[in-house]
Each structure stands twice: as structure tokens, then as C-alpha cells.
Amino acid sequence: MAQTITNTAIYSCPMHADVRHPNPGKCEKCGMDLVLEGTRFRLIRHMMSNPLHLAAMIAVMLLLMAAFMMTMPKAIGP
């Protein structure tokens, strides 16, 4: 007798791990696309999927670097 293997994929929100659905769709909490559960680096893949998200991520990184550089003590001459 042959066994039937059911492949039940679960889709979850990259930001809300408690939001899980059997089909792709949108998160009811934040509106992000649901991704296949177990996908590695799912938040980064989501951010890279939209040019606006990518630009926002780069802007935040630059702001954080600038803020860090402003807190560093200034070097005193030789």
C-alpha cells in the first residue's frame, strides 16, 4: 500500500512569528507579505524585494553610522 505524503506548507510573517497561514497572503497585523516558514533570512529577502524598503534600510544604516561617528572622541594631533 502506497503512503500519501501531504506537503503542508506554512507561511508566516517576517515580523510576527505568531501569524501563520497555510496559504500565501498578507499579515493581518502589519500588511507584509507572508513567506514560506523556514526560509533563511526572510526579513532581509523581504527588504530587498522592494526598492523603497532597500532605500529606507540604507538610510537608517547611514544615520546610525553618522550618529556613532559623532559620539567618537576627536583625535588629538601628533
Protein backbone atom coordinates (compact mmCIF):
# COMPACT_ATOMS: atom_id res chain seq x y z
CA MET A 1 0.00 0.00 0.00
CA ALA A 2 1.45 3.36 -1.03
CA GLN A 3 1.70 6.14 1.51
CA THR A 4 0.33 9.54 0.70
CA ILE A 5 2.65 12.32 1.74
CA THR A 6 0.99 15.66 2.20
CA ASN A 7 3.23 18.66 1.85
CA THR A 8 1.58 21.26 4.04
CA ALA A 9 3.49 24.48 3.64
CA ILE A 10 3.10 27.13 6.31
CA TYR A 11 3.50 30.81 5.52
CA SER A 12 4.43 33.27 8.26
CA CYS A 13 5.10 36.97 8.66
CA PRO A 14 8.77 38.03 8.78
CA MET A 15 7.96 40.42 11.65
CA HIS A 16 5.27 38.49 13.54
CA ALA A 17 6.16 34.82 14.08
CA ASP A 18 2.73 34.13 15.58
CA VAL A 19 0.97 34.94 12.27
CA ARG A 20 0.87 31.65 10.36
CA HIS A 21 -1.33 30.58 7.44
CA PRO A 22 -1.47 27.58 5.09
CA ASN A 23 -1.53 29.87 2.02
CA PRO A 24 0.49 32.90 0.91
CA GLY A 25 -1.04 36.28 1.63
CA LYS A 26 -0.60 39.37 3.80
CA CYS A 27 -0.04 39.69 7.54
CA GLU A 28 -3.15 40.97 9.29
CA LYS A 29 -1.00 42.90 11.79
CA CYS A 30 1.38 44.82 9.50
CA GLY A 31 0.43 44.03 5.90
CA MET A 32 3.77 42.42 4.98
CA ASP A 33 3.82 39.52 2.53
CA LEU A 34 3.80 36.13 4.22
CA VAL A 35 6.82 33.99 3.36
CA LEU A 36 7.37 30.26 3.49
CA GLU A 37 8.23 29.24 7.03
CA GLY A 38 11.83 28.16 7.43
CA THR A 39 13.06 30.49 4.72
CA ARG A 40 16.51 31.66 5.69
CA PHE A 41 16.96 35.39 6.04
CA ARG A 42 13.29 36.01 5.31
CA LEU A 43 13.29 39.59 6.65
CA ILE A 44 16.30 40.54 4.52
CA ARG A 45 14.72 38.94 1.46
CA HIS A 46 11.55 40.91 2.10
CA MET A 47 13.51 44.17 2.47
CA MET A 48 15.39 43.50 -0.77
CA SER A 49 12.17 42.80 -2.70
CA ASN A 50 11.12 46.45 -2.84
CA PRO A 51 13.35 49.40 -3.85
CA LEU A 52 11.64 51.64 -1.28
CA HIS A 53 12.43 49.17 1.52
CA LEU A 54 16.03 48.95 0.32
CA ALA A 55 16.39 52.75 0.27
CA ALA A 56 14.92 53.00 3.78
CA MET A 57 17.29 50.32 5.06
CA ILE A 58 20.31 52.12 3.58
CA ALA A 59 19.16 55.47 5.01
CA VAL A 60 18.79 54.00 8.50
CA MET A 61 22.23 52.40 8.29
CA LEU A 62 23.81 55.70 7.22
CA LEU A 63 22.07 57.58 10.04
CA LEU A 64 23.27 55.05 12.59
CA MET A 65 26.84 55.26 11.31
CA ALA A 66 26.76 59.08 11.38
CA ALA A 67 25.39 59.08 14.94
CA PHE A 68 28.09 56.66 16.06
CA MET A 69 30.84 58.74 14.44
CA MET A 70 29.60 61.87 16.22
CA THR A 71 29.93 60.16 19.59
CA MET A 72 33.55 59.13 19.00
CA PRO A 73 36.20 61.31 20.66
CA LYS A 74 38.18 63.52 18.30
CA ALA A 75 41.79 62.57 17.65
CA ILE A 76 44.43 64.90 19.03
CA GLY A 77 47.25 65.86 16.67
CA PRO A 78 50.66 64.10 16.61
